[in-house]
Amino acid sequence: MIHAFIALIPMNTADMTYRVMDVETRTVRIARYGTQVSETLTLERDGKTIKIKLTSQTERFHGRRASFSKGDSVNYDRELKDGMVIDRNSLHKG
C-alpha cells in the first residue's frame, strides 16, 4: 500500500541553474560572537531577474562561508522566486 503512494509523488531531481548578476554583502560585528554576514543575490535565468536573500551566518560558529561572485553559475533544487530567503548551504556553485 505504501509503495503505491510513493509512486504517485513526482520526482523532480533536476537542479535549476542561475547566473549571479550582483552580490550585496552586509557584515555586522557582534561583540564576542564574531562577524555576522548577510548576502542578497541578484540572479538571472531565462532572461528573468530575481533577488533572493541567503540566511545570515556568524563566522565564529560556522567558519568560512561559501562566497558567490558576479558571473558565477549556481544551482538550486527547485525554482526560485523573487524575495525568497534560502539557506546558503542549499545553493551550490555549478
Protein backbone atom coordinates (compact mmCIF):
# COMPACT_ATOMS: atom_id res chain seq x y z
CA MET A 1 0.00 0.00 0.00
CA ILE A 2 2.80 2.45 0.86
CA HIS A 3 4.64 1.67 -2.40
CA ALA A 4 1.64 2.75 -4.47
CA PHE A 5 1.56 6.11 -2.65
CA ILE A 6 5.27 6.75 -3.16
CA ALA A 7 4.94 6.09 -6.90
CA LEU A 8 2.46 9.00 -7.16
CA ILE A 9 4.92 11.58 -5.79
CA PRO A 10 6.58 13.45 -8.69
CA MET A 11 10.35 13.11 -8.56
CA ASN A 12 11.98 16.24 -9.95
CA THR A 13 15.69 15.80 -9.35
CA ALA A 14 16.95 18.27 -11.96
CA ASP A 15 18.60 21.33 -10.43
CA MET A 16 17.75 24.80 -11.67
CA THR A 17 20.80 26.79 -12.81
CA TYR A 18 21.01 30.56 -12.31
CA ARG A 19 23.68 33.15 -13.11
CA VAL A 20 24.74 35.60 -10.38
CA MET A 21 24.31 39.17 -11.65
CA ASP A 22 25.09 41.04 -8.40
CA VAL A 23 26.06 40.33 -4.79
CA GLU A 24 25.24 42.66 -1.89
CA THR A 25 27.13 41.75 1.29
CA ARG A 26 26.47 43.22 4.72
CA THR A 27 28.74 42.48 7.67
CA VAL A 28 27.99 43.33 11.28
CA ARG A 29 30.42 42.86 14.17
CA ILE A 30 28.66 41.14 17.07
CA ALA A 31 30.75 41.53 20.26
CA ARG A 32 32.14 38.13 21.26
CA TYR A 33 30.29 36.18 18.57
CA GLY A 34 32.39 37.40 15.66
CA THR A 35 31.13 38.81 12.38
CA GLN A 36 27.64 38.14 11.04
CA VAL A 37 27.43 38.08 7.24
CA SER A 38 24.20 38.60 5.27
CA GLU A 39 24.05 38.42 1.48
CA THR A 40 21.48 39.30 -1.16
CA LEU A 41 21.99 37.82 -4.62
CA THR A 42 20.53 39.08 -7.88
CA LEU A 43 20.12 36.04 -10.14
CA GLU A 44 19.14 35.59 -13.76
CA ARG A 45 17.61 32.59 -15.53
CA ASP A 46 15.98 32.55 -18.97
CA GLY A 47 16.07 36.37 -19.15
CA LYS A 48 14.20 36.70 -15.84
CA THR A 49 15.92 38.54 -12.94
CA ILE A 50 15.14 37.81 -9.28
CA LYS A 51 16.59 38.85 -5.92
CA ILE A 52 17.00 36.34 -3.06
CA LYS A 53 18.42 36.58 0.43
CA LEU A 54 20.73 33.99 1.92
CA THR A 55 20.46 33.09 5.60
CA SER A 56 22.99 35.01 7.72
CA GLN A 57 25.90 33.26 9.32
CA THR A 58 28.18 34.14 12.17
CA GLU A 59 31.70 33.34 11.07
CA ARG A 60 32.88 32.38 14.55
CA PHE A 61 30.43 29.45 14.76
CA HIS A 62 30.03 28.48 11.10
CA GLY A 63 33.59 29.02 9.93
CA ARG A 64 34.37 30.03 6.39
CA ARG A 65 31.27 30.56 4.26
CA ALA A 66 30.68 29.85 0.60
CA SER A 67 31.20 33.06 -1.32
CA PHE A 68 29.44 33.96 -4.53
CA SER A 69 30.72 36.41 -7.14
CA LYS A 70 29.22 38.17 -10.12
CA GLY A 71 29.20 35.81 -13.10
CA ASP A 72 29.10 32.56 -11.07
CA SER A 73 26.64 29.83 -12.01
CA VAL A 74 24.67 28.49 -9.04
CA ASN A 75 22.30 25.53 -8.73
CA TYR A 76 19.23 25.11 -6.56
CA ASP A 77 16.98 22.07 -6.35
CA ARG A 78 13.81 23.92 -7.43
CA GLU A 79 12.67 27.18 -9.00
CA LEU A 80 13.47 30.31 -7.00
CA LYS A 81 11.01 33.17 -6.69
CA ASP A 82 11.76 36.86 -6.14
CA GLY A 83 12.18 37.76 -2.45
CA MET A 84 12.78 34.20 -1.18
CA VAL A 85 15.07 33.60 1.79
CA ILE A 86 17.02 30.38 1.43
CA ASP A 87 19.65 28.51 3.40
CA ARG A 88 23.05 29.40 1.99
CA ASN A 89 24.17 25.76 2.23
CA SER A 90 21.45 24.64 -0.21
CA LEU A 91 22.77 26.88 -3.02
CA HIS A 92 25.73 25.32 -4.86
CA LYS A 93 28.21 26.67 -7.38
CA GLY A 94 27.75 24.93 -10.71
